[in-house]
Amino acid sequence: MRRPSQRVLDVAGLLIRLGLAAVWLVSGWLKLTDPGQTYLAVQAYEVLPESVIGVVATAMPLLELVLGLLLLAGGLTRLTAVASAAVLLVFIAAVIQSWARGLTIDCGCFGGGGQVEAGETRYPQEIARDTGFLLLAVWLMIRPRTLFSADGWLGWERGRTRSGEDDEPEPSLAVNVDETKGT
């Protein structure tokens, strides 16, 4: 079976990076524009003390926007993917604990959130969706190299030059001892 070319993998990485960036930018923006509802969504999970809910409800959309902007620019892609994976794991754990405790809430992942009627919860779908986003982050952790990235332009990607061309391995400067003896 033939392996995909570097170009195909770079394009796939670009689409994955931009897709995950869009997720963070949309979710962060929707939460930022409705801080009262974001507060209610965080409070509905019933895991944080009242004194911390406001801090989390304010910081979460800002963190999501920063992650989205970094991914959009392709800056610090691997580190941003690791941070994205950590945040997504926390989100997945929060939804699972809500489901296990019998809470009836909407996750508030893309705005809204808070208490809902018993039959209106969508825990399996929310977990599946966030797991899909987690897989995107894992791809970028393993292979952060993508097209049109600040990392590539700055020469921060291993195996790439500033021009985006693949580096050729440097010839070895070491001289074999047997070669110098002429044998």
C-alpha atoms as a PDB file:
ATOM      1  CA  MET A   1       0.000   0.000   0.000  1.00  0.00           C
ATOM      2  CA  ARG A   2       1.377   3.396  -0.989  1.00  0.00           C
ATOM      3  CA  ARG A   3       1.918   6.004   1.731  1.00  0.00           C
ATOM      4  CA  PRO A   4       0.394   9.462   1.234  1.00  0.00           C
ATOM      5  CA  SER A   5       2.833  12.067  -0.078  1.00  0.00           C
ATOM      6  CA  GLN A   6       4.153  14.836   2.151  1.00  0.00           C
ATOM      7  CA  ARG A   7       2.018  17.304   0.195  1.00  0.00           C
ATOM      8  CA  VAL A   8      -1.173  15.332   0.892  1.00  0.00           C
ATOM      9  CA  LEU A   9      -0.286  15.128   4.588  1.00  0.00           C
ATOM     10  CA  ASP A  10       0.495  18.858   4.666  1.00  0.00           C
ATOM     11  CA  VAL A  11      -2.884  19.681   3.082  1.00  0.00           C
ATOM     12  CA  ALA A  12      -4.680  17.328   5.501  1.00  0.00           C
ATOM     13  CA  GLY A  13      -2.859  19.008   8.374  1.00  0.00           C
ATOM     14  CA  LEU A  14      -3.886  22.439   7.114  1.00  0.00           C
ATOM     15  CA  LEU A  15      -7.555  21.415   6.937  1.00  0.00           C
ATOM     16  CA  ILE A  16      -7.369  19.847  10.399  1.00  0.00           C
ATOM     17  CA  ARG A  17      -5.631  22.911  11.860  1.00  0.00           C
ATOM     18  CA  LEU A  18      -8.159  25.316  10.327  1.00  0.00           C
ATOM     19  CA  GLY A  19     -11.080  23.099  11.375  1.00  0.00           C
ATOM     20  CA  LEU A  20      -9.963  22.994  15.003  1.00  0.00           C
ATOM     21  CA  ALA A  21      -9.246  26.740  14.867  1.00  0.00           C
ATOM     22  CA  ALA A  22     -12.823  27.341  13.695  1.00  0.00           C
ATOM     23  CA  VAL A  23     -14.175  25.230  16.570  1.00  0.00           C
ATOM     24  CA  TRP A  24     -12.271  27.290  19.157  1.00  0.00           C
ATOM     25  CA  LEU A  25     -13.031  30.641  17.526  1.00  0.00           C
ATOM     26  CA  VAL A  26     -16.770  29.985  17.216  1.00  0.00           C
ATOM     27  CA  SER A  27     -17.184  28.466  20.680  1.00  0.00           C
ATOM     28  CA  GLY A  28     -15.070  31.154  22.327  1.00  0.00           C
ATOM     29  CA  TRP A  29     -16.855  33.995  20.537  1.00  0.00           C
ATOM     30  CA  LEU A  30     -20.330  32.671  21.374  1.00  0.00           C
ATOM     31  CA  LYS A  31     -19.400  32.366  25.053  1.00  0.00           C
ATOM     32  CA  LEU A  32     -17.673  35.757  25.151  1.00  0.00           C
ATOM     33  CA  THR A  33     -20.691  37.557  23.670  1.00  0.00           C
ATOM     34  CA  ASP A  34     -23.060  36.105  26.295  1.00  0.00           C
ATOM     35  CA  PRO A  35     -21.166  36.121  29.610  1.00  0.00           C
ATOM     36  CA  GLY A  36     -24.294  35.664  31.734  1.00  0.00           C
ATOM     37  CA  GLN A  37     -25.247  32.466  29.920  1.00  0.00           C
ATOM     38  CA  THR A  38     -21.644  31.237  30.048  1.00  0.00           C
ATOM     39  CA  TYR A  39     -21.726  31.737  33.826  1.00  0.00           C
ATOM     40  CA  LEU A  40     -24.952  29.698  34.061  1.00  0.00           C
ATOM     41  CA  ALA A  41     -23.464  26.953  31.877  1.00  0.00           C
ATOM     42  CA  VAL A  42     -20.349  26.638  34.070  1.00  0.00           C
ATOM     43  CA  GLN A  43     -22.483  26.742  37.218  1.00  0.00           C
ATOM     44  CA  ALA A  44     -24.782  23.971  35.926  1.00  0.00           C
ATOM     45  CA  TYR A  45     -21.966  21.398  36.093  1.00  0.00           C
ATOM     46  CA  GLU A  46     -22.009  21.725  39.900  1.00  0.00           C
ATOM     47  CA  VAL A  47     -18.290  20.991  40.308  1.00  0.00           C
ATOM     48  CA  LEU A  48     -16.752  24.390  41.073  1.00  0.00           C
ATOM     49  CA  PRO A  49     -17.132  26.562  44.153  1.00  0.00           C
ATOM     50  CA  GLU A  50     -19.259  29.681  43.610  1.00  0.00           C
ATOM     51  CA  SER A  51     -16.178  31.908  44.031  1.00  0.00           C
ATOM     52  CA  VAL A  52     -14.426  30.280  41.033  1.00  0.00           C
ATOM     53  CA  ILE A  53     -17.342  30.056  38.585  1.00  0.00           C
ATOM     54  CA  GLY A  54     -17.017  33.687  37.431  1.00  0.00           C
ATOM     55  CA  VAL A  55     -13.275  33.330  36.842  1.00  0.00           C
ATOM     56  CA  VAL A  56     -13.744  30.147  34.786  1.00  0.00           C
ATOM     57  CA  ALA A  57     -16.694  31.607  32.857  1.00  0.00           C
ATOM     58  CA  THR A  58     -14.540  34.613  31.934  1.00  0.00           C
ATOM     59  CA  ALA A  59     -11.270  32.777  31.248  1.00  0.00           C
ATOM     60  CA  MET A  60     -12.703  29.880  29.231  1.00  0.00           C
ATOM     61  CA  PRO A  61     -13.857  31.892  26.182  1.00  0.00           C
ATOM     62  CA  LEU A  62     -10.620  33.879  26.211  1.00  0.00           C
ATOM     63  CA  LEU A  63      -8.565  30.674  26.283  1.00  0.00           C
ATOM     64  CA  GLU A  64     -10.641  29.233  23.426  1.00  0.00           C
ATOM     65  CA  LEU A  65     -10.110  32.384  21.353  1.00  0.00           C
ATOM     66  CA  VAL A  66      -6.349  32.312  21.967  1.00  0.00           C
ATOM     67  CA  LEU A  67      -6.184  28.636  20.961  1.00  0.00           C
ATOM     68  CA  GLY A  68      -8.234  29.409  17.851  1.00  0.00           C
ATOM     69  CA  LEU A  69      -6.057  32.355  16.826  1.00  0.00           C
ATOM     70  CA  LEU A  70      -2.836  30.385  17.331  1.00  0.00           C
ATOM     71  CA  LEU A  71      -4.183  27.523  15.229  1.00  0.00           C
ATOM     72  CA  LEU A  72      -5.485  29.893  12.572  1.00  0.00           C
ATOM     73  CA  ALA A  73      -2.014  31.423  12.258  1.00  0.00           C
ATOM     74  CA  GLY A  74      -0.271  28.072  12.602  1.00  0.00           C
ATOM     75  CA  GLY A  75       1.849  29.394  15.451  1.00  0.00           C
ATOM     76  CA  LEU A  76       3.179  27.025  18.108  1.00  0.00           C
ATOM     77  CA  THR A  77       1.020  24.353  16.508  1.00  0.00           C
ATOM     78  CA  ARG A  78       2.198  21.348  18.532  1.00  0.00           C
ATOM     79  CA  LEU A  79       1.982  23.211  21.854  1.00  0.00           C
ATOM     80  CA  THR A  80      -1.433  24.602  20.931  1.00  0.00           C
ATOM     81  CA  ALA A  81      -2.599  21.104  19.978  1.00  0.00           C
ATOM     82  CA  VAL A  82      -1.428  19.764  23.369  1.00  0.00           C
ATOM     83  CA  ALA A  83      -3.296  22.564  25.155  1.00  0.00           C
ATOM     84  CA  SER A  84      -6.362  21.911  22.973  1.00  0.00           C
ATOM     85  CA  ALA A  85      -6.273  18.209  23.832  1.00  0.00           C
ATOM     86  CA  ALA A  86      -6.026  18.995  27.551  1.00  0.00           C
ATOM     87  CA  VAL A  87      -8.994  21.383  27.393  1.00  0.00           C
ATOM     88  CA  LEU A  88     -11.042  18.893  25.379  1.00  0.00           C
ATOM     89  CA  LEU A  89     -10.287  16.117  27.880  1.00  0.00           C
ATOM     90  CA  VAL A  90     -11.544  18.376  30.675  1.00  0.00           C
ATOM     91  CA  PHE A  91     -14.692  19.129  28.659  1.00  0.00           C
ATOM     92  CA  ILE A  92     -15.308  15.430  27.969  1.00  0.00           C
ATOM     93  CA  ALA A  93     -14.773  14.566  31.648  1.00  0.00           C
ATOM     94  CA  ALA A  94     -17.194  17.337  32.680  1.00  0.00           C
ATOM     95  CA  VAL A  95     -19.920  16.008  30.381  1.00  0.00           C
ATOM     96  CA  ILE A  96     -19.334  12.403  31.531  1.00  0.00           C
ATOM     97  CA  GLN A  97     -19.530  13.363  35.218  1.00  0.00           C
ATOM     98  CA  SER A  98     -22.748  15.320  34.564  1.00  0.00           C
ATOM     99  CA  TRP A  99     -24.281  12.325  32.833  1.00  0.00           C
ATOM    100  CA  ALA A 100     -23.117   9.931  35.572  1.00  0.00           C
ATOM    101  CA  ARG A 101     -24.532  12.168  38.316  1.00  0.00           C
ATOM    102  CA  GLY A 102     -27.889  12.447  36.557  1.00  0.00           C
ATOM    103  CA  LEU A 103     -27.693  16.183  35.936  1.00  0.00           C
ATOM    104  CA  THR A 104     -29.909  17.481  33.153  1.00  0.00           C
ATOM    105  CA  ILE A 105     -27.842  20.161  31.449  1.00  0.00           C
ATOM    106  CA  ASP A 106     -26.817  21.365  28.029  1.00  0.00           C
ATOM    107  CA  CYS A 107     -23.017  21.434  27.850  1.00  0.00           C
ATOM    108  CA  GLY A 108     -22.831  25.059  26.709  1.00  0.00           C
ATOM    109  CA  CYS A 109     -19.988  24.129  24.383  1.00  0.00           C
ATOM    110  CA  PHE A 110     -21.150  26.522  21.676  1.00  0.00           C
ATOM    111  CA  GLY A 111     -22.966  29.067  23.792  1.00  0.00           C
ATOM    112  CA  GLY A 112     -26.140  28.514  25.717  1.00  0.00           C
ATOM    113  CA  GLY A 113     -25.886  25.819  28.335  1.00  0.00           C
ATOM    114  CA  GLY A 114     -27.397  25.358  31.731  1.00  0.00           C
ATOM    115  CA  GLN A 115     -30.350  23.343  32.983  1.00  0.00           C
ATOM    116  CA  VAL A 116     -32.620  21.564  30.479  1.00  0.00           C
ATOM    117  CA  GLU A 117     -35.565  19.172  30.755  1.00  0.00           C
ATOM    118  CA  ALA A 118     -34.735  15.522  31.495  1.00  0.00           C
ATOM    119  CA  GLY A 119     -35.335  14.304  27.927  1.00  0.00           C
ATOM    120  CA  GLU A 120     -33.362  17.127  26.294  1.00  0.00           C
ATOM    121  CA  THR A 121     -29.830  16.097  27.264  1.00  0.00           C
ATOM    122  CA  ARG A 122     -27.466  15.078  24.461  1.00  0.00           C
ATOM    123  CA  TYR A 123     -24.553  13.601  26.389  1.00  0.00           C
ATOM    124  CA  PRO A 124     -23.576  10.847  23.917  1.00  0.00           C
ATOM    125  CA  GLN A 125     -23.548  13.287  20.993  1.00  0.00           C
ATOM    126  CA  GLU A 126     -21.561  15.878  22.977  1.00  0.00           C
ATOM    127  CA  ILE A 127     -18.987  13.283  24.029  1.00  0.00           C
ATOM    128  CA  ALA A 128     -18.692  11.934  20.466  1.00  0.00           C
ATOM    129  CA  ARG A 129     -18.303  15.443  19.004  1.00  0.00           C
ATOM    130  CA  ASP A 130     -15.624  16.439  21.524  1.00  0.00           C
ATOM    131  CA  THR A 131     -13.832  13.129  20.971  1.00  0.00           C
ATOM    132  CA  GLY A 132     -13.724  13.952  17.255  1.00  0.00           C
ATOM    133  CA  PHE A 133     -12.224  17.361  18.064  1.00  0.00           C
ATOM    134  CA  LEU A 134      -9.740  15.593  20.355  1.00  0.00           C
ATOM    135  CA  LEU A 135      -8.643  13.396  17.438  1.00  0.00           C
ATOM    136  CA  LEU A 136      -7.939  16.542  15.403  1.00  0.00           C
ATOM    137  CA  ALA A 137      -5.743  17.835  18.235  1.00  0.00           C
ATOM    138  CA  VAL A 138      -3.927  14.491  18.455  1.00  0.00           C
ATOM    139  CA  TRP A 139      -3.165  14.612  14.705  1.00  0.00           C
ATOM    140  CA  LEU A 140      -1.587  18.047  15.172  1.00  0.00           C
ATOM    141  CA  MET A 141       0.363  16.860  18.207  1.00  0.00           C
ATOM    142  CA  ILE A 142       1.838  14.004  16.178  1.00  0.00           C
ATOM    143  CA  ARG A 143       2.246  15.936  12.925  1.00  0.00           C
ATOM    144  CA  PRO A 144       2.158  19.708  13.479  1.00  0.00           C
ATOM    145  CA  ARG A 145       3.591  20.449  10.015  1.00  0.00           C
ATOM    146  CA  THR A 146       0.953  22.148   7.849  1.00  0.00           C
ATOM    147  CA  LEU A 147       0.852  24.476   4.885  1.00  0.00           C
ATOM    148  CA  PHE A 148       0.633  28.249   5.350  1.00  0.00           C
ATOM    149  CA  SER A 149       1.711  28.231   8.990  1.00  0.00           C
ATOM    150  CA  ALA A 150       3.679  30.764  10.999  1.00  0.00           C
ATOM    151  CA  ASP A 151       5.711  27.822  12.298  1.00  0.00           C
ATOM    152  CA  GLY A 152       6.805  26.998   8.745  1.00  0.00           C
ATOM    153  CA  TRP A 153       7.478  30.592   7.766  1.00  0.00           C
ATOM    154  CA  LEU A 154       9.623  31.095  10.856  1.00  0.00           C
ATOM    155  CA  GLY A 155      11.488  27.848  10.267  1.00  0.00           C
ATOM    156  CA  TRP A 156      10.214  26.310  13.516  1.00  0.00           C
ATOM    157  CA  GLU A 157       9.032  23.074  11.915  1.00  0.00           C
ATOM    158  CA  ARG A 158      11.577  20.286  12.097  1.00  0.00           C
ATOM    159  CA  GLY A 159      12.664  19.199   8.646  1.00  0.00           C
ATOM    160  CA  ARG A 160      11.665  22.408   6.892  1.00  0.00           C
ATOM    161  CA  THR A 161      13.504  25.486   5.780  1.00  0.00           C
ATOM    162  CA  ARG A 162      12.128  29.020   5.868  1.00  0.00           C
ATOM    163  CA  SER A 163      11.111  28.654   2.243  1.00  0.00           C
ATOM    164  CA  GLY A 164       8.951  25.639   3.108  1.00  0.00           C
ATOM    165  CA  GLU A 165      11.124  23.234   1.118  1.00  0.00           C
ATOM    166  CA  ASP A 166      12.108  19.920   2.649  1.00  0.00           C
ATOM    167  CA  ASP A 167      15.640  19.994   4.029  1.00  0.00           C
ATOM    168  CA  GLU A 168      18.161  17.699   2.457  1.00  0.00           C
ATOM    169  CA  PRO A 169      20.249  15.815   4.984  1.00  0.00           C
ATOM    170  CA  GLU A 170      23.622  17.430   5.549  1.00  0.00           C
ATOM    171  CA  PRO A 171      26.554  15.376   4.282  1.00  0.00           C
ATOM    172  CA  SER A 172      28.660  14.024   7.087  1.00  0.00           C
ATOM    173  CA  LEU A 173      31.871  15.920   7.764  1.00  0.00           C
ATOM    174  CA  ALA A 174      33.352  13.013   9.690  1.00  0.00           C
ATOM    175  CA  VAL A 175      36.121  11.172   7.885  1.00  0.00           C
ATOM    176  CA  ASN A 176      36.248   7.422   8.169  1.00  0.00           C
ATOM    177  CA  VAL A 177      39.566   6.415   9.734  1.00  0.00           C
ATOM    178  CA  ASP A 178      40.010   3.531   7.258  1.00  0.00           C
ATOM    179  CA  GLU A 179      39.662   5.974   4.326  1.00  0.00           C
ATOM    180  CA  THR A 180      42.645   8.033   5.535  1.00  0.00           C
ATOM    181  CA  LYS A 181      44.926   4.980   5.609  1.00  0.00           C
ATOM    182  CA  GLY A 182      44.164   4.230   2.007  1.00  0.00           C
ATOM    183  CA  THR A 183      43.075   0.670   2.736  1.00  0.00           C
END
